[in-house]
Amino acid sequence: MKTHLVDLKERAASKGELRRFAQKFGIEALVDRDSKRFQTLGLKQAHYGEAKWLELLEEEPLLLRTPLVRRGNDLSVGLDEEAWRRWTAG
């Protein structure tokens, strides 16, 4: 499988790309609540809507649960080895 890696610290994901993942998995699936950045920003009590989270994730890529993987129309969030196996098996 051909791969293309993007360092989110150097080039943040676009709002459109993040929206695509959020539409499939929900915005909460994209937020890494265990990340140091989440704690540093004091977001434990944050109750934002999807638009605010998308804006924040675009500005603060260290809040993202990674990896975000896209293969054509297939998407995965986090370490989803089962999905990756399905993609490479077929």
C-alpha atoms as a PDB file:
ATOM      1  CA  MET A   1       0.000   0.000   0.000  1.00  0.00           C
ATOM      2  CA  LYS A   2       1.340   3.406  -0.967  1.00  0.00           C
ATOM      3  CA  THR A   3       1.631   5.760   2.007  1.00  0.00           C
ATOM      4  CA  HIS A   4       2.054   9.486   2.402  1.00  0.00           C
ATOM      5  CA  LEU A   5       2.939  10.791   5.855  1.00  0.00           C
ATOM      6  CA  VAL A   6       2.136  14.319   6.976  1.00  0.00           C
ATOM      7  CA  ASP A   7       3.648  15.769  10.148  1.00  0.00           C
ATOM      8  CA  LEU A   8       0.744  17.678  11.685  1.00  0.00           C
ATOM      9  CA  LYS A   9       3.176  19.861  13.639  1.00  0.00           C
ATOM     10  CA  GLU A  10       4.510  21.176  10.328  1.00  0.00           C
ATOM     11  CA  ARG A  11       1.317  21.188   8.257  1.00  0.00           C
ATOM     12  CA  ALA A  12      -1.995  21.155  10.086  1.00  0.00           C
ATOM     13  CA  ALA A  13      -4.938  19.244   8.677  1.00  0.00           C
ATOM     14  CA  SER A  14      -7.427  21.488   6.913  1.00  0.00           C
ATOM     15  CA  LYS A  15     -10.840  22.125   8.400  1.00  0.00           C
ATOM     16  CA  GLY A  16     -12.367  20.302   5.417  1.00  0.00           C
ATOM     17  CA  GLU A  17     -10.239  17.217   6.019  1.00  0.00           C
ATOM     18  CA  LEU A  18     -11.053  17.252   9.727  1.00  0.00           C
ATOM     19  CA  ARG A  19     -14.752  17.684   8.909  1.00  0.00           C
ATOM     20  CA  ARG A  20     -14.593  14.583   6.719  1.00  0.00           C
ATOM     21  CA  PHE A  21     -13.280  12.501   9.642  1.00  0.00           C
ATOM     22  CA  ALA A  22     -15.779  14.099  12.049  1.00  0.00           C
ATOM     23  CA  GLN A  23     -18.707  13.255   9.748  1.00  0.00           C
ATOM     24  CA  LYS A  24     -17.745   9.592   9.828  1.00  0.00           C
ATOM     25  CA  PHE A  25     -16.618   9.172  13.456  1.00  0.00           C
ATOM     26  CA  GLY A  26     -18.015  12.175  15.336  1.00  0.00           C
ATOM     27  CA  ILE A  27     -15.941  15.068  16.626  1.00  0.00           C
ATOM     28  CA  GLU A  28     -15.286  13.392  19.986  1.00  0.00           C
ATOM     29  CA  ALA A  29     -13.419  10.557  18.258  1.00  0.00           C
ATOM     30  CA  LEU A  30     -10.893  13.075  16.933  1.00  0.00           C
ATOM     31  CA  VAL A  31     -10.074  14.710  20.277  1.00  0.00           C
ATOM     32  CA  ASP A  32      -7.277  13.078  22.280  1.00  0.00           C
ATOM     33  CA  ARG A  33      -8.427  13.864  25.801  1.00  0.00           C
ATOM     34  CA  ASP A  34      -5.351  12.069  27.182  1.00  0.00           C
ATOM     35  CA  SER A  35      -2.893  14.324  25.355  1.00  0.00           C
ATOM     36  CA  LYS A  36      -0.610  16.691  27.237  1.00  0.00           C
ATOM     37  CA  ARG A  37      -1.868  19.552  25.066  1.00  0.00           C
ATOM     38  CA  PHE A  38      -5.475  18.870  26.113  1.00  0.00           C
ATOM     39  CA  GLN A  39      -4.423  19.091  29.767  1.00  0.00           C
ATOM     40  CA  THR A  40      -2.217  22.165  29.204  1.00  0.00           C
ATOM     41  CA  LEU A  41      -5.083  24.060  27.574  1.00  0.00           C
ATOM     42  CA  GLY A  42      -7.403  23.142  30.467  1.00  0.00           C
ATOM     43  CA  LEU A  43     -10.059  21.622  28.226  1.00  0.00           C
ATOM     44  CA  LYS A  44     -11.312  18.981  30.665  1.00  0.00           C
ATOM     45  CA  GLN A  45     -14.501  20.946  31.338  1.00  0.00           C
ATOM     46  CA  ALA A  46     -14.899  22.250  27.764  1.00  0.00           C
ATOM     47  CA  HIS A  47     -18.304  21.684  26.192  1.00  0.00           C
ATOM     48  CA  TYR A  48     -17.794  22.997  22.672  1.00  0.00           C
ATOM     49  CA  GLY A  49     -19.905  22.387  19.619  1.00  0.00           C
ATOM     50  CA  GLU A  50     -18.507  20.730  16.506  1.00  0.00           C
ATOM     51  CA  ALA A  51     -17.607  24.025  14.796  1.00  0.00           C
ATOM     52  CA  LYS A  52     -15.534  25.212  17.773  1.00  0.00           C
ATOM     53  CA  TRP A  53     -13.768  21.830  18.082  1.00  0.00           C
ATOM     54  CA  LEU A  54     -12.944  21.830  14.356  1.00  0.00           C
ATOM     55  CA  GLU A  55     -11.456  25.307  14.681  1.00  0.00           C
ATOM     56  CA  LEU A  56      -9.453  24.288  17.745  1.00  0.00           C
ATOM     57  CA  LEU A  57      -8.208  21.035  16.156  1.00  0.00           C
ATOM     58  CA  GLU A  58      -7.063  22.954  13.099  1.00  0.00           C
ATOM     59  CA  GLU A  59      -5.149  25.423  15.297  1.00  0.00           C
ATOM     60  CA  GLU A  60      -3.887  22.823  17.793  1.00  0.00           C
ATOM     61  CA  PRO A  61      -3.016  19.593  15.939  1.00  0.00           C
ATOM     62  CA  LEU A  62      -1.543  18.079  19.120  1.00  0.00           C
ATOM     63  CA  LEU A  63      -5.146  17.706  20.329  1.00  0.00           C
ATOM     64  CA  LEU A  64      -5.856  15.169  17.584  1.00  0.00           C
ATOM     65  CA  ARG A  65      -6.083  11.446  18.202  1.00  0.00           C
ATOM     66  CA  THR A  66      -3.588  10.052  15.729  1.00  0.00           C
ATOM     67  CA  PRO A  67      -2.930   8.654  13.299  1.00  0.00           C
ATOM     68  CA  LEU A  68      -5.616   9.959  10.981  1.00  0.00           C
ATOM     69  CA  VAL A  69      -5.471   7.579   8.034  1.00  0.00           C
ATOM     70  CA  ARG A  70      -7.144   8.022   4.673  1.00  0.00           C
ATOM     71  CA  ARG A  71      -7.080   5.478   1.849  1.00  0.00           C
ATOM     72  CA  GLY A  72      -9.343   6.649  -0.942  1.00  0.00           C
ATOM     73  CA  ASN A  73     -12.748   6.870   0.740  1.00  0.00           C
ATOM     74  CA  ASP A  74     -11.667   4.721   3.691  1.00  0.00           C
ATOM     75  CA  LEU A  75     -10.870   6.551   6.925  1.00  0.00           C
ATOM     76  CA  SER A  76      -9.601   5.565  10.356  1.00  0.00           C
ATOM     77  CA  VAL A  77      -8.765   7.399  13.567  1.00  0.00           C
ATOM     78  CA  GLY A  78      -6.174   6.171  16.049  1.00  0.00           C
ATOM     79  CA  LEU A  79      -4.478   2.799  15.944  1.00  0.00           C
ATOM     80  CA  ASP A  80      -7.079   0.823  13.978  1.00  0.00           C
ATOM     81  CA  GLU A  81      -5.034  -2.150  12.803  1.00  0.00           C
ATOM     82  CA  GLU A  82      -8.164  -4.157  11.985  1.00  0.00           C
ATOM     83  CA  ALA A  83      -9.276  -1.547   9.429  1.00  0.00           C
ATOM     84  CA  TRP A  84      -5.776  -1.368   7.934  1.00  0.00           C
ATOM     85  CA  ARG A  85      -5.725  -5.180   7.517  1.00  0.00           C
ATOM     86  CA  ARG A  86      -9.100  -5.080   5.737  1.00  0.00           C
ATOM     87  CA  TRP A  87      -7.826  -2.382   3.399  1.00  0.00           C
ATOM     88  CA  THR A  88      -4.683  -4.297   2.481  1.00  0.00           C
ATOM     89  CA  ALA A  89      -6.401  -7.697   2.213  1.00  0.00           C
ATOM     90  CA  GLY A  90      -8.780  -6.680  -0.536  1.00  0.00           C
END
